[in-house]
C-alpha atoms as a PDB file:
ATOM      1  CA  MET A   1     111.183 152.543 143.430  1.00  0.00           C
ATOM      2  CA  GLU A   2     107.540 151.896 144.351  1.00  0.00           C
ATOM      3  CA  ARG A   3     106.607 151.891 140.654  1.00  0.00           C
ATOM      4  CA  LEU A   4     109.331 149.295 139.952  1.00  0.00           C
ATOM      5  CA  MET A   5     108.037 146.996 142.734  1.00  0.00           C
ATOM      6  CA  PHE A   6     104.464 147.355 141.425  1.00  0.00           C
ATOM      7  CA  THR A   7     105.563 146.462 137.863  1.00  0.00           C
ATOM      8  CA  THR A   8     107.470 143.422 139.124  1.00  0.00           C
ATOM      9  CA  MET A   9     104.446 142.148 141.061  1.00  0.00           C
ATOM     10  CA  VAL A  10     102.208 142.530 137.976  1.00  0.00           C
ATOM     11  CA  LEU A  11     104.667 140.566 135.845  1.00  0.00           C
ATOM     12  CA  LEU A  12     104.809 137.780 138.427  1.00  0.00           C
ATOM     13  CA  LEU A  13     101.024 137.545 138.532  1.00  0.00           C
ATOM     14  CA  LEU A  14     100.790 137.474 134.747  1.00  0.00           C
ATOM     15  CA  THR A  15     103.443 134.771 134.339  1.00  0.00           C
ATOM     16  CA  ALA A  16     102.254 132.534 137.202  1.00  0.00           C
ATOM     17  CA  PRO A  17      99.428 130.841 135.198  1.00  0.00           C
ATOM     18  CA  THR A  18     101.866 130.173 132.337  1.00  0.00           C
ATOM     19  CA  PHE A  19     104.279 128.525 134.750  1.00  0.00           C
ATOM     20  CA  LEU A  20     101.531 126.374 136.226  1.00  0.00           C
ATOM     21  CA  PHE A  21     100.375 125.334 132.758  1.00  0.00           C
ATOM     22  CA  CYS A  22     103.896 124.321 131.739  1.00  0.00           C
ATOM     23  CA  SER A  23     104.320 122.330 134.942  1.00  0.00           C
ATOM     24  CA  ALA A  24     101.081 120.460 134.314  1.00  0.00           C
ATOM     25  CA  ARG A  25     102.139 119.650 130.758  1.00  0.00           C
ATOM     26  CA  GLY A  26     105.462 118.357 132.057  1.00  0.00           C
ATOM     27  CA  GLY A  27     103.589 115.987 134.371  1.00  0.00           C
ATOM     28  CA  ASP A  28     101.858 114.543 131.314  1.00  0.00           C
ATOM     29  CA  LYS A  29     105.103 112.754 130.466  1.00  0.00           C
ATOM     30  CA  GLY A  30     105.708 111.517 133.989  1.00  0.00           C
ATOM     31  CA  GLU A  31     108.627 113.916 134.381  1.00  0.00           C
ATOM     32  CA  GLY A  32     108.312 113.751 138.165  1.00  0.00           C
ATOM     33  CA  LEU A  33     109.971 110.329 137.806  1.00  0.00           C
ATOM     34  CA  SER A  34     112.905 111.607 135.780  1.00  0.00           C
ATOM     35  CA  SER A  35     115.342 111.469 138.719  1.00  0.00           C
ATOM     36  CA  LEU A  36     114.895 107.702 139.227  1.00  0.00           C
ATOM     37  CA  PRO A  37     117.638 105.385 137.899  1.00  0.00           C
ATOM     38  CA  ARG A  38     116.838 103.649 134.587  1.00  0.00           C
ATOM     39  CA  ILE A  39     117.511  99.951 134.082  1.00  0.00           C
ATOM     40  CA  PRO A  40     116.934  97.536 131.167  1.00  0.00           C
ATOM     41  CA  PRO A  41     114.392  94.700 131.535  1.00  0.00           C
ATOM     42  CA  GLU A  42     117.074  92.159 132.458  1.00  0.00           C
ATOM     43  CA  GLY A  43     117.847  94.301 135.510  1.00  0.00           C
ATOM     44  CA  LEU A  44     114.588  92.988 136.969  1.00  0.00           C
ATOM     45  CA  ASP A  45     116.322  89.712 137.821  1.00  0.00           C
ATOM     46  CA  GLU A  46     118.310  91.457 140.559  1.00  0.00           C
ATOM     47  CA  LEU A  47     115.452  93.727 141.599  1.00  0.00           C
ATOM     48  CA  ALA A  48     112.885  90.915 142.071  1.00  0.00           C
ATOM     49  CA  GLU A  49     112.644  88.658 145.123  1.00  0.00           C
ATOM     50  CA  GLY A  50     111.798  85.678 142.931  1.00  0.00           C
ATOM     51  CA  GLU A  51     108.783  84.499 140.955  1.00  0.00           C
ATOM     52  CA  ASP A  52     105.587  82.555 141.600  1.00  0.00           C
ATOM     53  CA  PHE A  53     104.364  79.398 139.866  1.00  0.00           C
ATOM     54  CA  ASP A  54     103.010  81.456 136.949  1.00  0.00           C
ATOM     55  CA  GLU A  55     106.448  83.019 136.393  1.00  0.00           C
ATOM     56  CA  ALA A  56     105.231  86.372 137.681  1.00  0.00           C
ATOM     57  CA  LEU A  57     108.072  88.307 139.317  1.00  0.00           C
ATOM     58  CA  ILE A  58     107.691  89.221 142.999  1.00  0.00           C
ATOM     59  CA  PHE A  59     108.538  92.704 144.271  1.00  0.00           C
ATOM     60  CA  ASP A  60     108.159  93.609 147.925  1.00  0.00           C
ATOM     61  CA  GLY A  61     106.150  90.414 148.429  1.00  0.00           C
ATOM     62  CA  LYS A  62     103.671  91.173 145.618  1.00  0.00           C
ATOM     63  CA  THR A  63     103.218  90.229 141.985  1.00  0.00           C
ATOM     64  CA  GLU A  64     100.729  93.074 141.402  1.00  0.00           C
ATOM     65  CA  PHE A  65     101.656  96.638 142.273  1.00  0.00           C
ATOM     66  CA  LEU A  66     100.866 100.208 141.246  1.00  0.00           C
ATOM     67  CA  THR A  67     103.159 101.767 138.684  1.00  0.00           C
ATOM     68  CA  ALA A  68     103.541 105.128 136.961  1.00  0.00           C
ATOM     69  CA  LEU A  69     104.827 105.627 133.423  1.00  0.00           C
ATOM     70  CA  TYR A  70     107.646 107.794 132.135  1.00  0.00           C
ATOM     71  CA  LYS A  71     108.411 108.651 128.516  1.00  0.00           C
ATOM     72  CA  GLU A  72     111.589 110.506 127.564  1.00  0.00           C
ATOM     73  CA  SER A  73     110.639 111.152 123.946  1.00  0.00           C
ATOM     74  CA  GLU A  74     107.535 112.876 122.595  1.00  0.00           C
ATOM     75  CA  LEU A  75     104.164 111.414 123.479  1.00  0.00           C
ATOM     76  CA  LEU A  76     102.465 109.312 120.823  1.00  0.00           C
ATOM     77  CA  LYS A  77      99.128 110.061 119.206  1.00  0.00           C
ATOM     78  CA  ALA A  78      96.798 107.076 119.219  1.00  0.00           C
ATOM     79  CA  PRO A  79      95.703 106.299 115.623  1.00  0.00           C
ATOM     80  CA  PHE A  80      91.919 106.312 116.136  1.00  0.00           C
ATOM     81  CA  SER A  81      91.249 108.669 119.060  1.00  0.00           C
ATOM     82  CA  GLY A  82      94.229 110.981 118.610  1.00  0.00           C
ATOM     83  CA  ARG A  83      94.874 110.858 122.377  1.00  0.00           C
ATOM     84  CA  GLU A  84      98.388 111.613 123.583  1.00  0.00           C
ATOM     85  CA  CYS A  85      99.764 108.481 125.206  1.00  0.00           C
ATOM     86  CA  ALA A  86     102.864 106.476 126.072  1.00  0.00           C
ATOM     87  CA  PHE A  87     101.693 103.358 124.221  1.00  0.00           C
ATOM     88  CA  TRP A  88      98.781 102.188 122.067  1.00  0.00           C
ATOM     89  CA  HIS A  89      97.359  98.915 120.768  1.00  0.00           C
ATOM     90  CA  ILE A  90      94.717  98.885 118.010  1.00  0.00           C
ATOM     91  CA  GLU A  91      92.624  96.242 116.249  1.00  0.00           C
ATOM     92  CA  ALA A  92      89.850  96.236 113.646  1.00  0.00           C
ATOM     93  CA  TYR A  93      87.287  93.547 112.717  1.00  0.00           C
ATOM     94  CA  TYR A  94      84.130  92.879 110.812  1.00  0.00           C
ATOM     95  CA  GLN A  95      82.041  91.023 113.369  1.00  0.00           C
ATOM     96  CA  THR A  96      79.009  88.786 112.992  1.00  0.00           C
ATOM     97  CA  PRO A  97      77.260  86.845 115.781  1.00  0.00           C
ATOM     98  CA  GLY A  98      79.385  83.779 115.092  1.00  0.00           C
ATOM     99  CA  THR A  99      82.595  85.046 113.500  1.00  0.00           C
ATOM    100  CA  ASN A 100      85.181  87.805 113.705  1.00  0.00           C
ATOM    101  CA  TYR A 101      86.833  88.728 110.398  1.00  0.00           C
ATOM    102  CA  HIS A 102      90.224  90.171 111.237  1.00  0.00           C
ATOM    103  CA  ILE A 103      91.152  93.411 109.462  1.00  0.00           C
ATOM    104  CA  GLY A 104      94.303  94.372 111.323  1.00  0.00           C
ATOM    105  CA  THR A 105      96.261  94.538 114.578  1.00  0.00           C
ATOM    106  CA  LYS A 106      99.099  96.901 115.418  1.00  0.00           C
ATOM    107  CA  LEU A 107     101.022  97.893 118.545  1.00  0.00           C
ATOM    108  CA  ALA A 108     103.192 100.946 119.065  1.00  0.00           C
ATOM    109  CA  ASP A 109     106.857 100.321 119.690  1.00  0.00           C
ATOM    110  CA  GLU A 110     107.698 100.081 123.382  1.00  0.00           C
ATOM    111  CA  ASP A 111     109.567 103.287 124.136  1.00  0.00           C
ATOM    112  CA  PHE A 112     108.681 104.119 127.726  1.00  0.00           C
ATOM    113  CA  TYR A 113     109.495 103.192 131.312  1.00  0.00           C
ATOM    114  CA  ALA A 114     107.464 101.770 134.189  1.00  0.00           C
ATOM    115  CA  ARG A 115     108.282 102.461 137.834  1.00  0.00           C
ATOM    116  CA  VAL A 116     109.243  99.304 139.732  1.00  0.00           C
ATOM    117  CA  LEU A 117     110.171  99.980 143.374  1.00  0.00           C
ATOM    118  CA  ASP A 118     112.703 102.837 143.121  1.00  0.00           C
ATOM    119  CA  LYS A 119     113.730 102.212 139.496  1.00  0.00           C
ATOM    120  CA  LEU A 120     112.458 103.007 136.017  1.00  0.00           C
ATOM    121  CA  VAL A 121     112.427  99.832 133.942  1.00  0.00           C
ATOM    122  CA  SER A 122     112.418  99.965 130.153  1.00  0.00           C
ATOM    123  CA  VAL A 123     109.199  98.214 129.110  1.00  0.00           C
ATOM    124  CA  GLU A 124     109.491  95.122 126.939  1.00  0.00           C
ATOM    125  CA  GLN A 125     106.415  93.495 125.360  1.00  0.00           C
ATOM    126  CA  ALA A 126     103.622  95.619 126.843  1.00  0.00           C
ATOM    127  CA  VAL A 127     100.203  93.974 127.224  1.00  0.00           C
ATOM    128  CA  VAL A 128      97.069  96.044 127.952  1.00  0.00           C
ATOM    129  CA  ASP A 129      94.928  93.833 130.171  1.00  0.00           C
ATOM    130  CA  PHE A 130      91.803  96.006 130.477  1.00  0.00           C
ATOM    131  CA  PRO A 131      88.732  96.847 128.338  1.00  0.00           C
ATOM    132  CA  PRO A 132      89.401  98.996 125.260  1.00  0.00           C
ATOM    133  CA  THR A 133      89.533 102.726 125.817  1.00  0.00           C
ATOM    134  CA  LEU A 134      87.789 103.127 122.448  1.00  0.00           C
ATOM    135  CA  LYS A 135      85.393 100.717 120.729  1.00  0.00           C
ATOM    136  CA  GLU A 136      83.222 101.931 117.875  1.00  0.00           C
ATOM    137  CA  THR A 137      81.368 100.285 114.975  1.00  0.00           C
ATOM    138  CA  TYR A 138      80.909 102.172 111.700  1.00  0.00           C
ATOM    139  CA  LYS A 139      78.980 101.425 108.536  1.00  0.00           C
ATOM    140  CA  VAL A 140      81.226 101.691 105.488  1.00  0.00           C
ATOM    141  CA  GLY A 141      80.644 105.062 103.854  1.00  0.00           C
ATOM    142  CA  GLU A 142      79.470 106.602 107.131  1.00  0.00           C
ATOM    143  CA  GLU A 143      82.735 106.419 109.059  1.00  0.00           C
ATOM    144  CA  PRO A 144      84.315 109.684 110.322  1.00  0.00           C
ATOM    145  CA  GLU A 145      87.046 111.106 108.130  1.00  0.00           C
ATOM    146  CA  ASN A 146      89.737 110.663 110.793  1.00  0.00           C
ATOM    147  CA  ILE A 147      88.914 106.954 111.146  1.00  0.00           C
ATOM    148  CA  ARG A 148      89.053 106.409 107.389  1.00  0.00           C
ATOM    149  CA  GLU A 149      92.347 108.319 107.172  1.00  0.00           C
ATOM    150  CA  ALA A 150      93.804 106.202 109.971  1.00  0.00           C
ATOM    151  CA  LEU A 151      92.765 102.979 108.243  1.00  0.00           C
ATOM    152  CA  VAL A 152      94.285 104.199 104.966  1.00  0.00           C
ATOM    153  CA  ALA A 153      97.563 105.100 106.706  1.00  0.00           C
ATOM    154  CA  LEU A 154      97.643 101.659 108.330  1.00  0.00           C
ATOM    155  CA  GLY A 155      96.957  99.912 105.016  1.00  0.00           C
ATOM    156  CA  TRP A 156      93.696  98.470 106.414  1.00  0.00           C
ATOM    157  CA  TRP A 157      91.156 100.445 104.404  1.00  0.00           C
ATOM    158  CA  GLY A 158      91.029  98.006 101.478  1.00  0.00           C
ATOM    159  CA  ALA A 159      90.003  95.171 103.802  1.00  0.00           C
ATOM    160  CA  ALA A 160      87.662  97.322 105.931  1.00  0.00           C
ATOM    161  CA  LYS A 161      85.633  98.676 102.995  1.00  0.00           C
ATOM    162  CA  SER A 162      85.065  95.179 101.632  1.00  0.00           C
ATOM    163  CA  TYR A 163      82.628  94.584 104.522  1.00  0.00           C
ATOM    164  CA  PRO A 164      79.326  96.367 105.235  1.00  0.00           C
ATOM    165  CA  GLU A 165      80.694  97.656 108.545  1.00  0.00           C
ATOM    166  CA  PHE A 166      83.724  97.382 110.801  1.00  0.00           C
ATOM    167  CA  THR A 167      84.597  97.808 114.470  1.00  0.00           C
ATOM    168  CA  VAL A 168      87.751  99.498 115.706  1.00  0.00           C
ATOM    169  CA  TYR A 169      89.325  98.896 119.099  1.00  0.00           C
ATOM    170  CA  GLU A 170      91.968 101.017 120.764  1.00  0.00           C
ATOM    171  CA  TRP A 171      93.817 100.686 124.060  1.00  0.00           C
ATOM    172  CA  VAL A 172      96.081 103.446 125.360  1.00  0.00           C
ATOM    173  CA  LEU A 173      98.458 103.820 128.290  1.00  0.00           C
ATOM    174  CA  LEU A 174      98.382 107.372 129.605  1.00  0.00           C
ATOM    175  CA  PRO A 175     101.490 108.887 131.209  1.00  0.00           C
ATOM    176  CA  ASP A 176      99.532 110.781 133.862  1.00  0.00           C
ATOM    177  CA  LYS A 177      97.720 107.714 135.221  1.00  0.00           C
ATOM    178  CA  GLU A 178      98.757 104.878 137.535  1.00  0.00           C
ATOM    179  CA  TYR A 179      98.227 101.254 136.493  1.00  0.00           C
ATOM    180  CA  THR A 180      98.416  97.897 138.210  1.00  0.00           C
ATOM    181  CA  LEU A 181     101.403  96.043 136.777  1.00  0.00           C
ATOM    182  CA  THR A 182     102.414  92.387 136.748  1.00  0.00           C
ATOM    183  CA  ILE A 183     105.665  91.343 135.072  1.00  0.00           C
ATOM    184  CA  TYR A 184     106.119  87.801 133.794  1.00  0.00           C
ATOM    185  CA  ARG A 185     109.489  86.317 132.955  1.00  0.00           C
ATOM    186  CA  THR A 186     109.609  83.588 130.326  1.00  0.00           C
ATOM    187  CA  GLY A 187     112.471  81.893 128.546  1.00  0.00           C
ATOM    188  CA  SER A 188     113.252  79.739 125.574  1.00  0.00           C
ATOM    189  CA  ALA A 189     116.219  77.770 124.282  1.00  0.00           C
ATOM    190  CA  LEU A 190     117.482  77.958 120.722  1.00  0.00           C
ATOM    191  CA  PRO A 191     119.555  75.205 119.070  1.00  0.00           C
ATOM    192  CA  PRO A 192     123.325  75.753 119.257  1.00  0.00           C
ATOM    193  CA  GLU A 193     124.939  77.539 116.360  1.00  0.00           C
ATOM    194  CA  GLU A 194     127.482  74.718 116.035  1.00  0.00           C
ATOM    195  CA  PRO A 195     126.780  70.951 116.266  1.00  0.00           C
ATOM    196  CA  GLU A 196     128.682  70.579 119.547  1.00  0.00           C
ATOM    197  CA  GLY A 197     127.858  74.019 120.934  1.00  0.00           C
ATOM    198  CA  GLU A 198     125.679  74.977 123.871  1.00  0.00           C
ATOM    199  CA  PRO A 199     121.997  75.917 123.448  1.00  0.00           C
ATOM    200  CA  ILE A 200     121.290  79.650 123.365  1.00  0.00           C
ATOM    201  CA  TYR A 201     118.967  80.729 126.157  1.00  0.00           C
ATOM    202  CA  GLU A 202     116.818  83.852 125.790  1.00  0.00           C
ATOM    203  CA  THR A 203     114.724  85.577 128.449  1.00  0.00           C
ATOM    204  CA  TYR A 204     111.644  87.719 127.796  1.00  0.00           C
ATOM    205  CA  TYR A 205     109.703  90.061 130.064  1.00  0.00           C
ATOM    206  CA  HIS A 206     105.982  90.673 129.565  1.00  0.00           C
ATOM    207  CA  PHE A 207     104.491  93.769 131.228  1.00  0.00           C
ATOM    208  CA  TYR A 208     100.744  93.357 131.912  1.00  0.00           C
ATOM    209  CA  PHE A 209      99.007  96.658 132.660  1.00  0.00           C
ATOM    210  CA  LYS A 210      95.553  96.749 134.300  1.00  0.00           C
END
């Protein structure tokens, strides 16, 4: 009996670090938020108290508030840094003192949620409103292999290698970090489908993360 208790205690001690590691990895996807109700972007109209003159939605008297991110599916790998993230935005240029020659711009598909009050809101049109998390300039022929491979996969390498050097920019949203969020609501009207029909109104939500 004593030997059985000793063996059990050893097993618990050996498995405890593994459990802690798994829990930490789960937090990387914001899984502590998984119990919150999920709503689509248009659900913000009922959740918000109104909007200010800039069309920023007001929640609990504020247009800026802290948010956490939640991603149900697998985390993304940012193209240039390889960092695991919920969202990325990348750009590349050849830059001279007076001109920027655009090589490419690409954003990941929005496939994550942001906490707003006690809800998880599906993000639509994410905007990263902070300095790039990666900015590096490389001379053509001296770039790291992973950067060249990323540019090839993006279809940007032909343009990049036509210049003497290029600069890559990358912004990432990390699921284990809080951000300041402002949500803007904008709208537009499309012509009616029939001559005597009513205009078609569409609403868009822009999520600005700082």
